[in-house]
Amino acid sequence: MELIHEDNADGVRIIRLKGRMDIEGNNAVALRFSALAVGGGPMVVVDLSGLEFLSSIGIATLVQSAKAAKLRKGILAIFGARPHVLTSLERTNIPSIIPTCGTLDEALARVSASN
């Protein structure tokens, strides 16, 4: 499981996940992901386009970080989920908890509008 991040000029932290966010993959990145999601500015977008698989434990990590961001008056949005990952998110009703966008531009617009 890979995790890279960058902060863009508008103060939005972009976190990119690649690999399988199963129990092993989640364990490899969860602590760092959570720290990056809540340790930067109030606006975070997460690129899921590189995820091959997203398990319930991976979904829990996303939800926990989104809730932590909200408590800090911030927002976390996700984008780019492959069809099978998006289906997992929809079946667990995640789009009602975390803004779920198709593209980076949509996610950036979503978090910027909430600021």
PDB file of N, CA and C in Angstrom:
ATOM      1  N   MET A   1       0.840  -1.169   0.000  1.00  0.00           N
ATOM      2  CA  MET A   1       0.000   0.000   0.000  1.00  0.00           C
ATOM      3  C   MET A   1       0.888   1.236   0.000  1.00  0.00           C
ATOM      4  N   GLU A   2       0.596   2.165  -0.885  1.00  0.00           N
ATOM      5  CA  GLU A   2       1.359   3.406  -0.981  1.00  0.00           C
ATOM      6  C   GLU A   2       0.497   4.594  -0.602  1.00  0.00           C
ATOM      7  N   LEU A   3       1.125   5.588  -0.004  1.00  0.00           N
ATOM      8  CA  LEU A   3       0.459   6.833   0.354  1.00  0.00           C
ATOM      9  C   LEU A   3       1.427   7.966   0.061  1.00  0.00           C
ATOM     10  N   ILE A   4       0.990   8.897  -0.767  1.00  0.00           N
ATOM     11  CA  ILE A   4       1.769  10.109  -0.990  1.00  0.00           C
ATOM     12  C   ILE A   4       0.844  11.299  -0.786  1.00  0.00           C
ATOM     13  N   HIS A   5       1.435  12.435  -0.484  1.00  0.00           N
ATOM     14  CA  HIS A   5       0.612  13.620  -0.290  1.00  0.00           C
ATOM     15  C   HIS A   5       1.327  14.864  -0.802  1.00  0.00           C
ATOM     16  N   GLU A   6       0.529  15.882  -1.030  1.00  0.00           N
ATOM     17  CA  GLU A   6       1.039  17.189  -1.425  1.00  0.00           C
ATOM     18  C   GLU A   6       0.055  18.236  -0.924  1.00  0.00           C
ATOM     19  N   ASP A   7       0.541  19.434  -0.734  1.00  0.00           N
ATOM     20  CA  ASP A   7      -0.307  20.554  -0.370  1.00  0.00           C
ATOM     21  C   ASP A   7      -0.293  21.510  -1.550  1.00  0.00           C
ATOM     22  N   ASN A   8      -1.490  21.821  -2.085  1.00  0.00           N
ATOM     23  CA  ASN A   8      -1.513  22.698  -3.249  1.00  0.00           C
ATOM     24  C   ASN A   8      -1.473  24.161  -2.815  1.00  0.00           C
ATOM     25  N   ALA A   9      -1.407  25.059  -3.778  1.00  0.00           N
ATOM     26  CA  ALA A   9      -1.253  26.491  -3.507  1.00  0.00           C
ATOM     27  C   ALA A   9      -2.454  27.079  -2.764  1.00  0.00           C
ATOM     28  N   ASP A  10      -3.603  26.435  -2.862  1.00  0.00           N
ATOM     29  CA  ASP A  10      -4.807  26.926  -2.183  1.00  0.00           C
ATOM     30  C   ASP A  10      -4.941  26.389  -0.765  1.00  0.00           C
ATOM     31  N   GLY A  11      -3.940  25.656  -0.299  1.00  0.00           N
ATOM     32  CA  GLY A  11      -3.980  25.134   1.061  1.00  0.00           C
ATOM     33  C   GLY A  11      -4.739  23.834   1.216  1.00  0.00           C
ATOM     34  N   VAL A  12      -5.013  23.163   0.118  1.00  0.00           N
ATOM     35  CA  VAL A  12      -5.715  21.883   0.166  1.00  0.00           C
ATOM     36  C   VAL A  12      -4.672  20.772   0.192  1.00  0.00           C
ATOM     37  N   ARG A  13      -4.817  19.873   1.128  1.00  0.00           N
ATOM     38  CA  ARG A  13      -3.936  18.706   1.180  1.00  0.00           C
ATOM     39  C   ARG A  13      -4.548  17.615   0.303  1.00  0.00           C
ATOM     40  N   ILE A  14      -3.737  17.079  -0.594  1.00  0.00           N
ATOM     41  CA  ILE A  14      -4.165  15.992  -1.477  1.00  0.00           C
ATOM     42  C   ILE A  14      -3.410  14.744  -1.051  1.00  0.00           C
ATOM     43  N   ILE A  15      -4.164  13.719  -0.681  1.00  0.00           N
ATOM     44  CA  ILE A  15      -3.586  12.438  -0.273  1.00  0.00           C
ATOM     45  C   ILE A  15      -3.948  11.408  -1.337  1.00  0.00           C
ATOM     46  N   ARG A  16      -2.948  10.726  -1.852  1.00  0.00           N
ATOM     47  CA  ARG A  16      -3.175   9.716  -2.892  1.00  0.00           C
ATOM     48  C   ARG A  16      -2.864   8.330  -2.330  1.00  0.00           C
ATOM     49  N   LEU A  17      -3.844   7.441  -2.482  1.00  0.00           N
ATOM     50  CA  LEU A  17      -3.700   6.065  -2.005  1.00  0.00           C
ATOM     51  C   LEU A  17      -3.575   5.130  -3.200  1.00  0.00           C
ATOM     52  N   LYS A  18      -2.685   4.150  -3.078  1.00  0.00           N
ATOM     53  CA  LYS A  18      -2.485   3.198  -4.169  1.00  0.00           C
ATOM     54  C   LYS A  18      -2.257   1.817  -3.577  1.00  0.00           C
ATOM     55  N   GLY A  19      -2.971   0.846  -4.107  1.00  0.00           N
ATOM     56  CA  GLY A  19      -2.806  -0.533  -3.659  1.00  0.00           C
ATOM     57  C   GLY A  19      -4.103  -1.112  -3.142  1.00  0.00           C
ATOM     58  N   ARG A  20      -3.963  -1.989  -2.176  1.00  0.00           N
ATOM     59  CA  ARG A  20      -5.117  -2.662  -1.580  1.00  0.00           C
ATOM     60  C   ARG A  20      -5.287  -2.185  -0.143  1.00  0.00           C
ATOM     61  N   MET A  21      -6.414  -1.569   0.131  1.00  0.00           N
ATOM     62  CA  MET A  21      -6.682  -1.096   1.487  1.00  0.00           C
ATOM     63  C   MET A  21      -7.481  -2.173   2.216  1.00  0.00           C
ATOM     64  N   ASP A  22      -6.845  -3.345   2.315  1.00  0.00           N
ATOM     65  CA  ASP A  22      -7.366  -4.442   3.108  1.00  0.00           C
ATOM     66  C   ASP A  22      -6.734  -4.320   4.492  1.00  0.00           C
ATOM     67  N   ILE A  23      -6.826  -5.335   5.322  1.00  0.00           N
ATOM     68  CA  ILE A  23      -6.294  -5.211   6.682  1.00  0.00           C
ATOM     69  C   ILE A  23      -4.792  -4.924   6.685  1.00  0.00           C
ATOM     70  N   GLU A  24      -4.043  -5.589   5.822  1.00  0.00           N
ATOM     71  CA  GLU A  24      -2.596  -5.361   5.767  1.00  0.00           C
ATOM     72  C   GLU A  24      -2.270  -3.975   5.226  1.00  0.00           C
ATOM     73  N   GLY A  25      -2.918  -3.611   4.134  1.00  0.00           N
ATOM     74  CA  GLY A  25      -2.678  -2.297   3.539  1.00  0.00           C
ATOM     75  C   GLY A  25      -3.101  -1.171   4.464  1.00  0.00           C
ATOM     76  N   ASN A  26      -4.247  -1.348   5.104  1.00  0.00           N
ATOM     77  CA  ASN A  26      -4.727  -0.333   6.034  1.00  0.00           C
ATOM     78  C   ASN A  26      -3.755  -0.174   7.204  1.00  0.00           C
ATOM     79  N   ASN A  27      -3.296  -1.295   7.747  1.00  0.00           N
ATOM     80  CA  ASN A  27      -2.349  -1.229   8.855  1.00  0.00           C
ATOM     81  C   ASN A  27      -1.066  -0.511   8.455  1.00  0.00           C
ATOM     82  N   ALA A  28      -0.688  -0.644   7.194  1.00  0.00           N
ATOM     83  CA  ALA A  28       0.544  -0.018   6.716  1.00  0.00           C
ATOM     84  C   ALA A  28       0.428   1.501   6.616  1.00  0.00           C
ATOM     85  N   VAL A  29      -0.778   2.030   6.395  1.00  0.00           N
ATOM     86  CA  VAL A  29      -0.904   3.471   6.152  1.00  0.00           C
ATOM     87  C   VAL A  29      -1.839   4.207   7.104  1.00  0.00           C
ATOM     88  N   ALA A  30      -2.597   3.528   7.915  1.00  0.00           N
ATOM     89  CA  ALA A  30      -3.659   4.172   8.706  1.00  0.00           C
ATOM     90  C   ALA A  30      -3.152   5.292   9.607  1.00  0.00           C
ATOM     91  N   LEU A  31      -2.098   5.058  10.325  1.00  0.00           N
ATOM     92  CA  LEU A  31      -1.596   6.078  11.249  1.00  0.00           C
ATOM     93  C   LEU A  31      -1.114   7.308  10.485  1.00  0.00           C
ATOM     94  N   ARG A  32      -0.337   7.085   9.456  1.00  0.00           N
ATOM     95  CA  ARG A  32       0.157   8.209   8.643  1.00  0.00           C
ATOM     96  C   ARG A  32      -0.989   8.928   7.943  1.00  0.00           C
ATOM     97  N   PHE A  33      -1.945   8.157   7.403  1.00  0.00           N
ATOM     98  CA  PHE A  33      -3.095   8.755   6.733  1.00  0.00           C
ATOM     99  C   PHE A  33      -3.864   9.652   7.699  1.00  0.00           C
ATOM    100  N   SER A  34      -4.156   9.148   8.876  1.00  0.00           N
ATOM    101  CA  SER A  34      -4.907   9.922   9.860  1.00  0.00           C
ATOM    102  C   SER A  34      -4.162  11.188  10.251  1.00  0.00           C
ATOM    103  N   ALA A  35      -2.863  11.072  10.460  1.00  0.00           N
ATOM    104  CA  ALA A  35      -2.056  12.246  10.822  1.00  0.00           C
ATOM    105  C   ALA A  35      -2.063  13.286   9.706  1.00  0.00           C
ATOM    106  N   LEU A  36      -1.941  12.848   8.467  1.00  0.00           N
ATOM    107  CA  LEU A  36      -1.963  13.779   7.336  1.00  0.00           C
ATOM    108  C   LEU A  36      -3.340  14.401   7.141  1.00  0.00           C
ATOM    109  N   ALA A  37      -4.382  13.606   7.346  1.00  0.00           N
ATOM    110  CA  ALA A  37      -5.736  14.098   7.122  1.00  0.00           C
ATOM    111  C   ALA A  37      -6.147  15.162   8.132  1.00  0.00           C
ATOM    112  N   VAL A  38      -5.692  15.041   9.353  1.00  0.00           N
ATOM    113  CA  VAL A  38      -6.099  16.016  10.369  1.00  0.00           C
ATOM    114  C   VAL A  38      -4.984  16.976  10.750  1.00  0.00           C
ATOM    115  N   GLY A  39      -3.755  16.718  10.320  1.00  0.00           N
ATOM    116  CA  GLY A  39      -2.632  17.535  10.727  1.00  0.00           C
ATOM    117  C   GLY A  39      -2.317  18.691   9.810  1.00  0.00           C
ATOM    118  N   GLY A  40      -2.933  18.733   8.656  1.00  0.00           N
ATOM    119  CA  GLY A  40      -2.681  19.833   7.725  1.00  0.00           C
ATOM    120  C   GLY A  40      -3.728  20.915   7.912  1.00  0.00           C
ATOM    121  N   GLY A  41      -4.066  21.553   6.844  1.00  0.00           N
ATOM    122  CA  GLY A  41      -5.110  22.569   6.893  1.00  0.00           C
ATOM    123  C   GLY A  41      -6.479  21.925   6.990  1.00  0.00           C
ATOM    124  N   PRO A  42      -7.525  22.741   6.949  1.00  0.00           N
ATOM    125  CA  PRO A  42      -8.869  22.213   7.135  1.00  0.00           C
ATOM    126  C   PRO A  42      -9.455  21.496   5.918  1.00  0.00           C
ATOM    127  N   MET A  43      -8.807  21.628   4.745  1.00  0.00           N
ATOM    128  CA  MET A  43      -9.355  21.042   3.528  1.00  0.00           C
ATOM    129  C   MET A  43      -8.461  19.910   3.032  1.00  0.00           C
ATOM    130  N   VAL A  44      -9.068  18.718   2.881  1.00  0.00           N
ATOM    131  CA  VAL A  44      -8.331  17.528   2.459  1.00  0.00           C
ATOM    132  C   VAL A  44      -9.133  16.812   1.383  1.00  0.00           C
ATOM    133  N   VAL A  45      -8.455  16.412   0.319  1.00  0.00           N
ATOM    134  CA  VAL A  45      -9.075  15.543  -0.680  1.00  0.00           C
ATOM    135  C   VAL A  45      -8.233  14.285  -0.796  1.00  0.00           C
ATOM    136  N   VAL A  46      -8.915  13.159  -0.971  1.00  0.00           N
ATOM    137  CA  VAL A  46      -8.245  11.860  -1.016  1.00  0.00           C
ATOM    138  C   VAL A  46      -8.510  11.212  -2.367  1.00  0.00           C
ATOM    139  N   ASP A  47      -7.437  10.912  -3.065  1.00  0.00           N
ATOM    140  CA  ASP A  47      -7.491  10.278  -4.380  1.00  0.00           C
ATOM    141  C   ASP A  47      -7.544   8.765  -4.200  1.00  0.00           C
ATOM    142  N   LEU A  48      -8.667   8.179  -4.595  1.00  0.00           N
ATOM    143  CA  LEU A  48      -8.844   6.732  -4.491  1.00  0.00           C
ATOM    144  C   LEU A  48      -8.619   6.020  -5.828  1.00  0.00           C
ATOM    145  N   SER A  49      -8.199   6.750  -6.857  1.00  0.00           N
ATOM    146  CA  SER A  49      -8.079   6.137  -8.185  1.00  0.00           C
ATOM    147  C   SER A  49      -7.051   5.013  -8.240  1.00  0.00           C
ATOM    148  N   GLY A  50      -6.101   5.019  -7.323  1.00  0.00           N
ATOM    149  CA  GLY A  50      -5.092   3.972  -7.294  1.00  0.00           C
ATOM    150  C   GLY A  50      -5.453   2.781  -6.429  1.00  0.00           C
ATOM    151  N   LEU A  51      -6.621   2.833  -5.793  1.00  0.00           N
ATOM    152  CA  LEU A  51      -7.029   1.709  -4.946  1.00  0.00           C
ATOM    153  C   LEU A  51      -7.590   0.580  -5.786  1.00  0.00           C
ATOM    154  N   GLU A  52      -7.042  -0.591  -5.591  1.00  0.00           N
ATOM    155  CA  GLU A  52      -7.538  -1.788  -6.265  1.00  0.00           C
ATOM    156  C   GLU A  52      -8.634  -2.456  -5.450  1.00  0.00           C
ATOM    157  N   PHE A  53      -8.608  -2.239  -4.134  1.00  0.00           N
ATOM    158  CA  PHE A  53      -9.564  -2.886  -3.231  1.00  0.00           C
ATOM    159  C   PHE A  53      -9.708  -2.019  -1.994  1.00  0.00           C
ATOM    160  N   LEU A  54     -10.925  -1.919  -1.483  1.00  0.00           N
ATOM    161  CA  LEU A  54     -11.198  -1.153  -0.269  1.00  0.00           C
ATOM    162  C   LEU A  54     -12.081  -2.005   0.633  1.00  0.00           C
ATOM    163  N   SER A  55     -11.529  -2.402   1.776  1.00  0.00           N
ATOM    164  CA  SER A  55     -12.273  -3.239   2.720  1.00  0.00           C
ATOM    165  C   SER A  55     -13.000  -2.362   3.733  1.00  0.00           C
ATOM    166  N   SER A  56     -13.751  -3.013   4.598  1.00  0.00           N
ATOM    167  CA  SER A  56     -14.487  -2.281   5.626  1.00  0.00           C
ATOM    168  C   SER A  56     -13.543  -1.562   6.581  1.00  0.00           C
ATOM    169  N   ILE A  57     -12.390  -2.130   6.848  1.00  0.00           N
ATOM    170  CA  ILE A  57     -11.439  -1.452   7.735  1.00  0.00           C
ATOM    171  C   ILE A  57     -10.876  -0.205   7.064  1.00  0.00           C
ATOM    172  N   GLY A  58     -10.682  -0.255   5.768  1.00  0.00           N
ATOM    173  CA  GLY A  58     -10.243   0.927   5.027  1.00  0.00           C
ATOM    174  C   GLY A  58     -11.316   2.000   5.017  1.00  0.00           C
ATOM    175  N   ILE A  59     -12.567   1.583   4.851  1.00  0.00           N
ATOM    176  CA  ILE A  59     -13.688   2.523   4.902  1.00  0.00           C
ATOM    177  C   ILE A  59     -13.744   3.183   6.281  1.00  0.00           C
ATOM    178  N   ALA A  60     -13.533   2.406   7.326  1.00  0.00           N
ATOM    179  CA  ALA A  60     -13.551   2.953   8.684  1.00  0.00           C
ATOM    180  C   ALA A  60     -12.461   4.010   8.864  1.00  0.00           C
ATOM    181  N   THR A  61     -11.288   3.786   8.295  1.00  0.00           N
ATOM    182  CA  THR A  61     -10.207   4.760   8.384  1.00  0.00           C
ATOM    183  C   THR A  61     -10.601   6.065   7.696  1.00  0.00           C
ATOM    184  N   LEU A  62     -11.228   5.970   6.529  1.00  0.00           N
ATOM    185  CA  LEU A  62     -11.695   7.170   5.825  1.00  0.00           C
ATOM    186  C   LEU A  62     -12.733   7.921   6.657  1.00  0.00           C
ATOM    187  N   VAL A  63     -13.698   7.194   7.204  1.00  0.00           N
ATOM    188  CA  VAL A  63     -14.775   7.814   7.987  1.00  0.00           C
ATOM    189  C   VAL A  63     -14.218   8.482   9.242  1.00  0.00           C
ATOM    190  N   GLN A  64     -13.331   7.801   9.951  1.00  0.00           N
ATOM    191  CA  GLN A  64     -12.749   8.380  11.165  1.00  0.00           C
ATOM    192  C   GLN A  64     -12.003   9.677  10.855  1.00  0.00           C
ATOM    193  N   SER A  65     -11.268   9.692   9.771  1.00  0.00           N
ATOM    194  CA  SER A  65     -10.527  10.897   9.401  1.00  0.00           C
ATOM    195  C   SER A  65     -11.463  12.013   8.961  1.00  0.00           C
ATOM    196  N   ALA A  66     -12.523  11.664   8.248  1.00  0.00           N
ATOM    197  CA  ALA A  66     -13.504  12.675   7.835  1.00  0.00           C
ATOM    198  C   ALA A  66     -14.195  13.285   9.050  1.00  0.00           C
ATOM    199  N   LYS A  67     -14.539  12.463  10.024  1.00  0.00           N
ATOM    200  CA  LYS A  67     -15.174  12.967  11.241  1.00  0.00           C
ATOM    201  C   LYS A  67     -14.213  13.839  12.039  1.00  0.00           C
ATOM    202  N   ALA A  68     -12.948  13.446  12.106  1.00  0.00           N
ATOM    203  CA  ALA A  68     -11.953  14.251  12.817  1.00  0.00           C
ATOM    204  C   ALA A  68     -11.772  15.604  12.128  1.00  0.00           C
ATOM    205  N   ALA A  69     -11.763  15.607  10.801  1.00  0.00           N
ATOM    206  CA  ALA A  69     -11.646  16.866  10.066  1.00  0.00           C
ATOM    207  C   ALA A  69     -12.849  17.763  10.350  1.00  0.00           C
ATOM    208  N   LYS A  70     -14.019  17.175  10.381  1.00  0.00           N
ATOM    209  CA  LYS A  70     -15.241  17.947  10.643  1.00  0.00           C
ATOM    210  C   LYS A  70     -15.219  18.562  12.040  1.00  0.00           C
ATOM    211  N   LEU A  71     -14.718  17.827  13.018  1.00  0.00           N
ATOM    212  CA  LEU A  71     -14.612  18.356  14.374  1.00  0.00           C
ATOM    213  C   LEU A  71     -13.682  19.565  14.439  1.00  0.00           C
ATOM    214  N   ARG A  72     -12.727  19.625  13.527  1.00  0.00           N
ATOM    215  CA  ARG A  72     -11.795  20.751  13.460  1.00  0.00           C
ATOM    216  C   ARG A  72     -12.303  21.832  12.513  1.00  0.00           C
ATOM    217  N   LYS A  73     -13.582  21.767  12.160  1.00  0.00           N
ATOM    218  CA  LYS A  73     -14.216  22.724  11.240  1.00  0.00           C
ATOM    219  C   LYS A  73     -13.627  22.623   9.836  1.00  0.00           C
ATOM    220  N   GLY A  74     -13.181  21.425   9.478  1.00  0.00           N
ATOM    221  CA  GLY A  74     -12.626  21.186   8.160  1.00  0.00           C
ATOM    222  C   GLY A  74     -13.511  20.244   7.363  1.00  0.00           C
ATOM    223  N   ILE A  75     -12.986  19.804   6.243  1.00  0.00           N
ATOM    224  CA  ILE A  75     -13.729  18.876   5.388  1.00  0.00           C
ATOM    225  C   ILE A  75     -12.746  17.952   4.669  1.00  0.00           C
ATOM    226  N   LEU A  76     -13.150  16.706   4.535  1.00  0.00           N
ATOM    227  CA  LEU A  76     -12.409  15.706   3.779  1.00  0.00           C
ATOM    228  C   LEU A  76     -13.343  15.193   2.701  1.00  0.00           C
ATOM    229  N   ALA A  77     -12.890  15.231   1.459  1.00  0.00           N
ATOM    230  CA  ALA A  77     -13.661  14.697   0.335  1.00  0.00           C
ATOM    231  C   ALA A  77     -12.826  13.633  -0.359  1.00  0.00           C
ATOM    232  N   ILE A  78     -13.494  12.693  -1.005  1.00  0.00           N
ATOM    233  CA  ILE A  78     -12.800  11.649  -1.752  1.00  0.00           C
ATOM    234  C   ILE A  78     -13.165  11.762  -3.228  1.00  0.00           C
ATOM    235  N   PHE A  79     -12.261  11.272  -4.083  1.00  0.00           N
ATOM    236  CA  PHE A  79     -12.543  11.324  -5.520  1.00  0.00           C
ATOM    237  C   PHE A  79     -11.819  10.196  -6.238  1.00  0.00           C
ATOM    238  N   GLY A  80     -12.276   9.931  -7.460  1.00  0.00           N
ATOM    239  CA  GLY A  80     -11.582   9.028  -8.353  1.00  0.00           C
ATOM    240  C   GLY A  80     -11.740   7.547  -8.094  1.00  0.00           C
ATOM    241  N   ALA A  81     -12.706   7.157  -7.284  1.00  0.00           N
ATOM    242  CA  ALA A  81     -12.861   5.733  -6.972  1.00  0.00           C
ATOM    243  C   ALA A  81     -13.188   4.930  -8.227  1.00  0.00           C
ATOM    244  N   ARG A  82     -12.509   3.813  -8.382  1.00  0.00           N
ATOM    245  CA  ARG A  82     -12.831   2.881  -9.466  1.00  0.00           C
ATOM    246  C   ARG A  82     -14.230   2.323  -9.224  1.00  0.00           C
ATOM    247  N   PRO A  83     -14.881   1.808 -10.274  1.00  0.00           N
ATOM    248  CA  PRO A  83     -16.267   1.349 -10.121  1.00  0.00           C
ATOM    249  C   PRO A  83     -16.495   0.369  -8.971  1.00  0.00           C
ATOM    250  N   HIS A  84     -15.630  -0.623  -8.791  1.00  0.00           N
ATOM    251  CA  HIS A  84     -15.850  -1.606  -7.727  1.00  0.00           C
ATOM    252  C   HIS A  84     -15.613  -0.994  -6.345  1.00  0.00           C
ATOM    253  N   VAL A  85     -14.697  -0.033  -6.240  1.00  0.00           N
ATOM    254  CA  VAL A  85     -14.478   0.657  -4.968  1.00  0.00           C
ATOM    255  C   VAL A  85     -15.657   1.590  -4.695  1.00  0.00           C
ATOM    256  N   LEU A  86     -16.135   2.281  -5.710  1.00  0.00           N
ATOM    257  CA  LEU A  86     -17.294   3.158  -5.553  1.00  0.00           C
ATOM    258  C   LEU A  86     -18.522   2.364  -5.120  1.00  0.00           C
ATOM    259  N   THR A  87     -18.687   1.170  -5.662  1.00  0.00           N
ATOM    260  CA  THR A  87     -19.811   0.317  -5.252  1.00  0.00           C
ATOM    261  C   THR A  87     -19.716  -0.008  -3.764  1.00  0.00           C
ATOM    262  N   SER A  88     -18.532  -0.315  -3.284  1.00  0.00           N
ATOM    263  CA  SER A  88     -18.353  -0.579  -1.846  1.00  0.00           C
ATOM    264  C   SER A  88     -18.721   0.642  -1.020  1.00  0.00           C
ATOM    265  N   LEU A  89     -18.312   1.807  -1.480  1.00  0.00           N
ATOM    266  CA  LEU A  89     -18.634   3.047  -0.761  1.00  0.00           C
ATOM    267  C   LEU A  89     -20.142   3.297  -0.746  1.00  0.00           C
ATOM    268  N   GLU A  90     -20.774   3.090  -1.884  1.00  0.00           N
ATOM    269  CA  GLU A  90     -22.222   3.325  -1.981  1.00  0.00           C
ATOM    270  C   GLU A  90     -23.015   2.325  -1.153  1.00  0.00           C
ATOM    271  N   ARG A  91     -22.596   1.076  -1.131  1.00  0.00           N
ATOM    272  CA  ARG A  91     -23.308   0.054  -0.348  1.00  0.00           C
ATOM    273  C   ARG A  91     -23.254   0.330   1.145  1.00  0.00           C
ATOM    274  N   THR A  92     -22.218   1.030   1.579  1.00  0.00           N
ATOM    275  CA  THR A  92     -22.090   1.363   2.997  1.00  0.00           C
ATOM    276  C   THR A  92     -22.528   2.803   3.278  1.00  0.00           C
ATOM    277  N   ASN A  93     -23.141   3.438   2.286  1.00  0.00           N
ATOM    278  CA  ASN A  93     -23.728   4.770   2.418  1.00  0.00           C
ATOM    279  C   ASN A  93     -22.694   5.853   2.743  1.00  0.00           C
ATOM    280  N   ILE A  94     -21.460   5.662   2.340  1.00  0.00           N
ATOM    281  CA  ILE A  94     -20.393   6.625   2.622  1.00  0.00           C
ATOM    282  C   ILE A  94     -20.636   7.980   1.963  1.00  0.00           C
ATOM    283  N   PRO A  95     -21.192   8.051   0.743  1.00  0.00           N
ATOM    284  CA  PRO A  95     -21.417   9.379   0.158  1.00  0.00           C
ATOM    285  C   PRO A  95     -22.319  10.296   0.998  1.00  0.00           C
ATOM    286  N   SER A  96     -23.087   9.734   1.919  1.00  0.00           N
ATOM    287  CA  SER A  96     -23.892  10.590   2.799  1.00  0.00           C
ATOM    288  C   SER A  96     -23.056  11.145   3.962  1.00  0.00           C
ATOM    289  N   ILE A  97     -21.869  10.574   4.163  1.00  0.00           N
ATOM    290  CA  ILE A  97     -20.991  10.991   5.256  1.00  0.00           C
ATOM    291  C   ILE A  97     -19.801  11.794   4.729  1.00  0.00           C
ATOM    292  N   ILE A  98     -19.225  11.328   3.624  1.00  0.00           N
ATOM    293  CA  ILE A  98     -18.037  11.940   3.036  1.00  0.00           C
ATOM    294  C   ILE A  98     -18.385  12.377   1.614  1.00  0.00           C
ATOM    295  N   PRO A  99     -18.168  13.653   1.281  1.00  0.00           N
ATOM    296  CA  PRO A  99     -18.398  14.066  -0.105  1.00  0.00           C
ATOM    297  C   PRO A  99     -17.579  13.197  -1.057  1.00  0.00           C
ATOM    298  N   THR A 100     -18.262  12.622  -2.033  1.00  0.00           N
ATOM    299  CA  THR A 100     -17.647  11.680  -2.967  1.00  0.00           C
ATOM    300  C   THR A 100     -17.753  12.261  -4.373  1.00  0.00           C
ATOM    301  N   CYS A 101     -16.617  12.528  -4.991  1.00  0.00           N
ATOM    302  CA  CYS A 101     -16.569  13.201  -6.282  1.00  0.00           C
ATOM    303  C   CYS A 101     -15.900  12.309  -7.318  1.00  0.00           C
ATOM    304  N   GLY A 102     -16.146  12.631  -8.575  1.00  0.00           N
ATOM    305  CA  GLY A 102     -15.557  11.856  -9.650  1.00  0.00           C
ATOM    306  C   GLY A 102     -14.138  12.262  -9.979  1.00  0.00           C
ATOM    307  N   THR A 103     -13.851  13.568  -9.896  1.00  0.00           N
ATOM    308  CA  THR A 103     -12.547  14.071 -10.319  1.00  0.00           C
ATOM    309  C   THR A 103     -11.907  14.947  -9.240  1.00  0.00           C
ATOM    310  N   LEU A 104     -10.634  15.198  -9.423  1.00  0.00           N
ATOM    311  CA  LEU A 104      -9.901  16.086  -8.520  1.00  0.00           C
ATOM    312  C   LEU A 104     -10.512  17.480  -8.537  1.00  0.00           C
ATOM    313  N   ASP A 105     -10.821  17.995  -9.719  1.00  0.00           N
ATOM    314  CA  ASP A 105     -11.401  19.341  -9.814  1.00  0.00           C
ATOM    315  C   ASP A 105     -12.714  19.439  -9.046  1.00  0.00           C
ATOM    316  N   GLU A 106     -13.558  18.412  -9.159  1.00  0.00           N
ATOM    317  CA  GLU A 106     -14.827  18.416  -8.424  1.00  0.00           C
ATOM    318  C   GLU A 106     -14.571  18.394  -6.912  1.00  0.00           C
ATOM    319  N   ALA A 107     -13.614  17.584  -6.479  1.00  0.00           N
ATOM    320  CA  ALA A 107     -13.301  17.489  -5.051  1.00  0.00           C
ATOM    321  C   ALA A 107     -12.736  18.814  -4.530  1.00  0.00           C
ATOM    322  N   LEU A 108     -11.853  19.437  -5.303  1.00  0.00           N
ATOM    323  CA  LEU A 108     -11.302  20.721  -4.894  1.00  0.00           C
ATOM    324  C   LEU A 108     -12.392  21.780  -4.790  1.00  0.00           C
ATOM    325  N   ALA A 109     -13.306  21.797  -5.762  1.00  0.00           N
ATOM    326  CA  ALA A 109     -14.422  22.743  -5.711  1.00  0.00           C
ATOM    327  C   ALA A 109     -15.299  22.489  -4.497  1.00  0.00           C
ATOM    328  N   ARG A 110     -15.518  21.237  -4.170  1.00  0.00           N
ATOM    329  CA  ARG A 110     -16.375  20.868  -3.027  1.00  0.00           C
ATOM    330  C   ARG A 110     -15.775  21.335  -1.710  1.00  0.00           C
ATOM    331  N   VAL A 111     -14.491  21.086  -1.499  1.00  0.00           N
ATOM    332  CA  VAL A 111     -13.890  21.491  -0.227  1.00  0.00           C
ATOM    333  C   VAL A 111     -13.720  23.002  -0.168  1.00  0.00           C
ATOM    334  N   SER A 112     -13.437  23.634  -1.283  1.00  0.00           N
ATOM    335  CA  SER A 112     -13.284  25.088  -1.296  1.00  0.00           C
ATOM    336  C   SER A 112     -14.605  25.782  -1.022  1.00  0.00           C
ATOM    337  N   ALA A 113     -15.705  25.217  -1.516  1.00  0.00           N
ATOM    338  CA  ALA A 113     -17.029  25.806  -1.298  1.00  0.00           C
ATOM    339  C   ALA A 113     -17.445  25.737   0.168  1.00  0.00           C
ATOM    340  N   SER A 114     -16.913  24.784   0.889  1.00  0.00           N
ATOM    341  CA  SER A 114     -17.294  24.621   2.291  1.00  0.00           C
ATOM    342  C   SER A 114     -16.481  25.514   3.215  1.00  0.00           C
ATOM    343  N   ASN A 115     -15.429  26.103   2.701  1.00  0.00           N
ATOM    344  CA  ASN A 115     -14.534  26.910   3.528  1.00  0.00           C
ATOM    345  C   ASN A 115     -15.064  28.311   3.742  1.00  0.00           C
TER     346      ASN A 115
END
